[in-house]
Amino acid sequence: MDLVSRRERAREWIALGVRQGLTQREVARRAGVDVRTVRAWNTRFRDESRRYATPDREEQAFVELIEHGAASASRIEVVLPDNRRVRIDGAAIVEGLARVLAAIERC
């Protein structure tokens, strides 16, 4: 097996582990390799993705806070650079946050 094929196979194993919520030890057992090999794959692929990722901040990015909203309105509106608007219901945010906190407490 050539280097490119081995690399793609390693990526597939890491992706499978992420999708199925497997530990590195479980991925190593399924792949038939040592757990240190899986750790090395994971480290290498994370470093590469960080190196090639675009920065999450642009020089022209900004947030505009509008303070004259109604006190009873429970939504957040985000205006994207191309003037698209995303509205998020406040109740959904509270419910989502409650789920996250409950999940953290179970861990």
N, C-alpha and C. Protein backbone atom coordinates (compact mmCIF):
# COMPACT_ATOMS: atom_id res chain seq x y z
N MET A 1 0.85 -1.17 0.00
CA MET A 1 0.00 0.00 0.00
C MET A 1 0.90 1.24 0.00
N ASP A 2 0.61 2.19 -0.89
CA ASP A 2 1.45 3.38 -0.98
C ASP A 2 1.08 4.38 0.12
N LEU A 3 1.89 5.43 0.23
CA LEU A 3 1.74 6.41 1.30
C LEU A 3 0.38 7.11 1.26
N VAL A 4 -0.08 7.45 0.08
CA VAL A 4 -1.37 8.15 -0.05
C VAL A 4 -2.51 7.25 0.41
N SER A 5 -2.47 6.00 0.03
CA SER A 5 -3.51 5.06 0.43
C SER A 5 -3.51 4.85 1.94
N ARG A 6 -2.32 4.73 2.54
CA ARG A 6 -2.23 4.55 3.99
C ARG A 6 -2.75 5.78 4.71
N ARG A 7 -2.42 6.94 4.17
CA ARG A 7 -2.87 8.19 4.77
C ARG A 7 -4.39 8.30 4.72
N GLU A 8 -4.99 8.00 3.59
CA GLU A 8 -6.44 8.06 3.45
C GLU A 8 -7.12 7.03 4.35
N ARG A 9 -6.51 5.87 4.46
CA ARG A 9 -7.06 4.83 5.34
C ARG A 9 -7.03 5.29 6.80
N ALA A 10 -5.94 5.93 7.20
CA ALA A 10 -5.84 6.46 8.55
C ALA A 10 -6.91 7.52 8.79
N ARG A 11 -7.13 8.40 7.81
CA ARG A 11 -8.19 9.41 7.92
C ARG A 11 -9.56 8.76 8.07
N GLU A 12 -9.78 7.70 7.33
CA GLU A 12 -11.06 6.99 7.41
C GLU A 12 -11.28 6.41 8.80
N TRP A 13 -10.23 5.84 9.40
CA TRP A 13 -10.35 5.28 10.75
C TRP A 13 -10.64 6.38 11.76
N ILE A 14 -9.94 7.51 11.65
CA ILE A 14 -10.18 8.62 12.57
C ILE A 14 -11.61 9.13 12.40
N ALA A 15 -12.06 9.29 11.17
CA ALA A 15 -13.42 9.77 10.91
C ALA A 15 -14.46 8.80 11.46
N LEU A 16 -14.22 7.50 11.30
CA LEU A 16 -15.14 6.49 11.84
C LEU A 16 -15.22 6.62 13.36
N GLY A 17 -14.06 6.79 14.00
CA GLY A 17 -14.04 6.95 15.45
C GLY A 17 -14.82 8.17 15.91
N VAL A 18 -14.70 9.26 15.17
CA VAL A 18 -15.43 10.48 15.52
C VAL A 18 -16.92 10.28 15.34
N ARG A 19 -17.32 9.70 14.19
CA ARG A 19 -18.74 9.49 13.92
C ARG A 19 -19.39 8.58 14.95
N GLN A 20 -18.69 7.53 15.35
CA GLN A 20 -19.28 6.56 16.27
C GLN A 20 -18.96 6.83 17.73
N GLY A 21 -18.19 7.89 17.99
CA GLY A 21 -17.87 8.24 19.37
C GLY A 21 -16.94 7.23 20.04
N LEU A 22 -16.04 6.66 19.26
CA LEU A 22 -15.12 5.65 19.79
C LEU A 22 -13.92 6.30 20.45
N THR A 23 -13.34 5.59 21.41
CA THR A 23 -12.09 6.06 22.00
C THR A 23 -10.96 5.71 21.05
N GLN A 24 -9.80 6.30 21.30
CA GLN A 24 -8.64 5.99 20.46
C GLN A 24 -8.25 4.52 20.61
N ARG A 25 -8.42 3.99 21.80
CA ARG A 25 -8.11 2.57 22.03
C ARG A 25 -9.02 1.67 21.19
N GLU A 26 -10.32 2.00 21.11
CA GLU A 26 -11.25 1.21 20.31
C GLU A 26 -10.93 1.32 18.82
N VAL A 27 -10.57 2.52 18.36
CA VAL A 27 -10.19 2.70 16.96
C VAL A 27 -8.96 1.86 16.65
N ALA A 28 -7.98 1.90 17.55
CA ALA A 28 -6.75 1.13 17.35
C ALA A 28 -7.05 -0.36 17.26
N ARG A 29 -7.92 -0.85 18.14
CA ARG A 29 -8.27 -2.27 18.12
C ARG A 29 -8.94 -2.64 16.79
N ARG A 30 -9.88 -1.81 16.34
CA ARG A 30 -10.57 -2.10 15.07
C ARG A 30 -9.62 -2.01 13.88
N ALA A 31 -8.71 -1.04 13.91
CA ALA A 31 -7.79 -0.85 12.79
C ALA A 31 -6.64 -1.85 12.81
N GLY A 32 -6.45 -2.50 13.95
CA GLY A 32 -5.37 -3.48 14.06
C GLY A 32 -4.00 -2.83 14.20
N VAL A 33 -3.97 -1.66 14.85
CA VAL A 33 -2.71 -0.96 15.07
C VAL A 33 -2.58 -0.63 16.55
N ASP A 34 -1.41 -0.17 16.94
CA ASP A 34 -1.17 0.23 18.32
C ASP A 34 -1.88 1.56 18.60
N VAL A 35 -2.32 1.75 19.83
CA VAL A 35 -3.03 2.97 20.20
C VAL A 35 -2.14 4.21 19.99
N ARG A 36 -0.82 4.06 20.16
CA ARG A 36 0.08 5.19 19.92
C ARG A 36 0.06 5.63 18.46
N THR A 37 -0.16 4.68 17.56
CA THR A 37 -0.27 5.01 16.14
C THR A 37 -1.50 5.87 15.88
N VAL A 38 -2.61 5.50 16.49
CA VAL A 38 -3.85 6.28 16.33
C VAL A 38 -3.66 7.67 16.92
N ARG A 39 -2.99 7.78 18.06
CA ARG A 39 -2.72 9.09 18.66
C ARG A 39 -1.87 9.95 17.72
N ALA A 40 -0.88 9.31 17.09
CA ALA A 40 -0.02 10.04 16.15
C ALA A 40 -0.82 10.51 14.94
N TRP A 41 -1.70 9.64 14.42
CA TRP A 41 -2.56 10.03 13.30
C TRP A 41 -3.39 11.25 13.70
N ASN A 42 -4.03 11.14 14.84
CA ASN A 42 -4.92 12.20 15.30
C ASN A 42 -4.17 13.52 15.45
N THR A 43 -3.01 13.48 16.07
CA THR A 43 -2.20 14.69 16.25
C THR A 43 -1.79 15.28 14.91
N ARG A 44 -1.33 14.43 14.00
CA ARG A 44 -0.88 14.91 12.69
C ARG A 44 -2.02 15.56 11.92
N PHE A 45 -3.20 14.92 11.91
CA PHE A 45 -4.32 15.47 11.14
C PHE A 45 -4.86 16.75 11.77
N ARG A 46 -4.86 16.84 13.09
CA ARG A 46 -5.29 18.09 13.74
C ARG A 46 -4.33 19.23 13.42
N ASP A 47 -3.04 18.95 13.49
CA ASP A 47 -2.04 19.98 13.16
C ASP A 47 -2.21 20.45 11.73
N GLU A 48 -2.42 19.51 10.81
CA GLU A 48 -2.60 19.89 9.40
C GLU A 48 -3.85 20.73 9.21
N SER A 49 -4.95 20.35 9.86
CA SER A 49 -6.18 21.11 9.67
C SER A 49 -6.04 22.52 10.24
N ARG A 50 -5.31 22.67 11.36
CA ARG A 50 -5.06 24.00 11.91
C ARG A 50 -4.18 24.82 10.96
N ARG A 51 -3.21 24.18 10.37
CA ARG A 51 -2.27 24.89 9.50
C ARG A 51 -2.96 25.39 8.24
N TYR A 52 -3.89 24.60 7.69
CA TYR A 52 -4.52 24.96 6.42
C TYR A 52 -5.86 25.68 6.59
N ALA A 53 -6.35 25.79 7.81
CA ALA A 53 -7.64 26.45 8.03
C ALA A 53 -7.49 27.95 7.85
N THR A 54 -8.56 28.56 7.38
CA THR A 54 -8.54 30.01 7.26
C THR A 54 -8.85 30.61 8.63
N PRO A 55 -8.32 31.76 8.92
CA PRO A 55 -8.60 32.39 10.21
C PRO A 55 -10.09 32.63 10.39
N ASP A 56 -10.57 32.51 11.61
CA ASP A 56 -11.99 32.68 11.86
C ASP A 56 -12.38 34.15 12.03
N ARG A 57 -11.40 35.02 11.96
CA ARG A 57 -11.70 36.44 12.06
C ARG A 57 -11.16 37.17 10.84
N GLU A 58 -11.96 38.06 10.32
CA GLU A 58 -11.52 38.90 9.22
C GLU A 58 -11.30 40.30 9.75
N GLU A 59 -10.51 41.05 9.05
CA GLU A 59 -10.22 42.42 9.47
C GLU A 59 -11.49 43.27 9.49
N GLN A 60 -12.43 42.98 8.60
CA GLN A 60 -13.62 43.81 8.49
C GLN A 60 -14.81 43.24 9.25
N ALA A 61 -14.63 42.15 9.98
CA ALA A 61 -15.74 41.56 10.73
C ALA A 61 -16.08 42.46 11.92
N PHE A 62 -17.36 42.56 12.23
CA PHE A 62 -17.78 43.37 13.36
C PHE A 62 -19.13 42.88 13.86
N VAL A 63 -19.48 43.35 15.03
CA VAL A 63 -20.79 43.05 15.62
C VAL A 63 -21.44 44.37 15.95
N GLU A 64 -22.67 44.51 15.55
CA GLU A 64 -23.41 45.72 15.85
C GLU A 64 -24.48 45.37 16.87
N LEU A 65 -24.42 46.01 18.02
CA LEU A 65 -25.40 45.78 19.06
C LEU A 65 -26.50 46.82 18.94
N ILE A 66 -27.72 46.35 18.88
CA ILE A 66 -28.87 47.25 18.79
C ILE A 66 -29.56 47.20 20.14
N GLU A 67 -29.54 48.30 20.84
CA GLU A 67 -30.03 48.32 22.21
C GLU A 67 -31.47 48.78 22.33
N HIS A 68 -32.06 49.20 21.25
CA HIS A 68 -33.42 49.72 21.35
C HIS A 68 -34.47 48.66 21.06
N GLY A 69 -34.12 47.40 21.23
CA GLY A 69 -35.08 46.32 21.03
C GLY A 69 -36.08 46.27 22.16
N ALA A 70 -37.20 45.62 21.90
CA ALA A 70 -38.24 45.50 22.92
C ALA A 70 -37.74 44.60 24.04
N ALA A 71 -38.06 44.97 25.26
CA ALA A 71 -37.60 44.20 26.42
C ALA A 71 -38.23 42.81 26.44
N SER A 72 -39.42 42.66 25.89
CA SER A 72 -40.10 41.36 25.92
C SER A 72 -39.67 40.44 24.78
N ALA A 73 -38.95 40.99 23.78
CA ALA A 73 -38.51 40.18 22.65
C ALA A 73 -37.39 39.26 23.10
N SER A 74 -37.57 37.98 22.86
CA SER A 74 -36.55 37.01 23.29
C SER A 74 -35.90 36.38 22.06
N ARG A 75 -35.25 37.19 21.28
CA ARG A 75 -34.55 36.67 20.12
C ARG A 75 -33.26 37.44 19.91
N ILE A 76 -32.37 36.78 19.22
CA ILE A 76 -31.10 37.40 18.85
C ILE A 76 -31.06 37.41 17.33
N GLU A 77 -30.69 38.54 16.78
CA GLU A 77 -30.59 38.65 15.33
C GLU A 77 -29.14 38.95 14.97
N VAL A 78 -28.59 38.13 14.09
CA VAL A 78 -27.21 38.30 13.64
C VAL A 78 -27.27 38.72 12.18
N VAL A 79 -26.60 39.83 11.87
CA VAL A 79 -26.54 40.33 10.49
C VAL A 79 -25.17 39.96 9.95
N LEU A 80 -25.16 39.14 8.92
CA LEU A 80 -23.92 38.68 8.31
C LEU A 80 -23.38 39.73 7.35
N PRO A 81 -22.10 39.65 6.98
CA PRO A 81 -21.49 40.67 6.11
C PRO A 81 -22.25 40.92 4.81
N ASP A 82 -22.91 39.92 4.26
CA ASP A 82 -23.65 40.13 3.01
C ASP A 82 -25.10 40.55 3.27
N ASN A 83 -25.35 41.08 4.47
CA ASN A 83 -26.66 41.57 4.92
C ASN A 83 -27.72 40.49 5.08
N ARG A 84 -27.33 39.23 5.08
CA ARG A 84 -28.28 38.18 5.44
C ARG A 84 -28.50 38.25 6.94
N ARG A 85 -29.70 37.95 7.38
CA ARG A 85 -30.01 38.01 8.80
C ARG A 85 -30.38 36.62 9.30
N VAL A 86 -29.83 36.28 10.45
CA VAL A 86 -30.15 35.01 11.10
C VAL A 86 -30.80 35.36 12.43
N ARG A 87 -32.02 34.87 12.63
CA ARG A 87 -32.74 35.14 13.87
C ARG A 87 -32.78 33.87 14.70
N ILE A 88 -32.44 34.01 15.97
CA ILE A 88 -32.41 32.87 16.88
C ILE A 88 -33.37 33.16 18.02
N ASP A 89 -34.27 32.21 18.27
CA ASP A 89 -35.25 32.35 19.34
C ASP A 89 -34.56 32.20 20.69
N GLY A 90 -34.79 33.12 21.60
CA GLY A 90 -34.17 33.09 22.92
C GLY A 90 -34.54 31.86 23.71
N ALA A 91 -35.80 31.39 23.59
CA ALA A 91 -36.22 30.19 24.31
C ALA A 91 -35.43 28.98 23.85
N ALA A 92 -35.13 28.93 22.55
CA ALA A 92 -34.35 27.80 22.02
C ALA A 92 -32.93 27.83 22.57
N ILE A 93 -32.38 29.02 22.75
CA ILE A 93 -31.04 29.15 23.31
C ILE A 93 -31.02 28.65 24.75
N VAL A 94 -32.03 29.04 25.52
CA VAL A 94 -32.10 28.61 26.92
C VAL A 94 -32.26 27.09 27.00
N GLU A 95 -33.13 26.51 26.15
CA GLU A 95 -33.32 25.07 26.15
C GLU A 95 -32.03 24.35 25.76
N GLY A 96 -31.36 24.85 24.73
CA GLY A 96 -30.10 24.25 24.30
C GLY A 96 -29.04 24.33 25.39
N LEU A 97 -28.94 25.47 26.04
CA LEU A 97 -27.98 25.63 27.12
C LEU A 97 -28.30 24.68 28.27
N ALA A 98 -29.58 24.51 28.59
CA ALA A 98 -29.97 23.58 29.65
C ALA A 98 -29.56 22.15 29.30
N ARG A 99 -29.72 21.76 28.03
CA ARG A 99 -29.31 20.42 27.60
C ARG A 99 -27.80 20.23 27.72
N VAL A 100 -27.05 21.26 27.32
CA VAL A 100 -25.58 21.18 27.41
C VAL A 100 -25.15 21.03 28.85
N LEU A 101 -25.72 21.85 29.74
CA LEU A 101 -25.36 21.77 31.15
C LEU A 101 -25.74 20.43 31.76
N ALA A 102 -26.88 19.88 31.36
CA ALA A 102 -27.29 18.57 31.86
C ALA A 102 -26.34 17.48 31.36
N ALA A 103 -25.92 17.59 30.11
CA ALA A 103 -25.00 16.60 29.55
C ALA A 103 -23.64 16.69 30.23
N ILE A 104 -23.19 17.89 30.53
CA ILE A 104 -21.90 18.07 31.20
C ILE A 104 -21.96 17.47 32.60
N GLU A 105 -23.08 17.65 33.26
CA GLU A 105 -23.22 17.14 34.62
C GLU A 105 -23.18 15.61 34.64
N ARG A 106 -23.68 14.97 33.58
CA ARG A 106 -23.66 13.50 33.52
C ARG A 106 -22.28 12.94 33.28
N CYS A 107 -21.39 13.74 32.69
CA CYS A 107 -20.04 13.26 32.37
C CYS A 107 -19.19 13.08 33.60
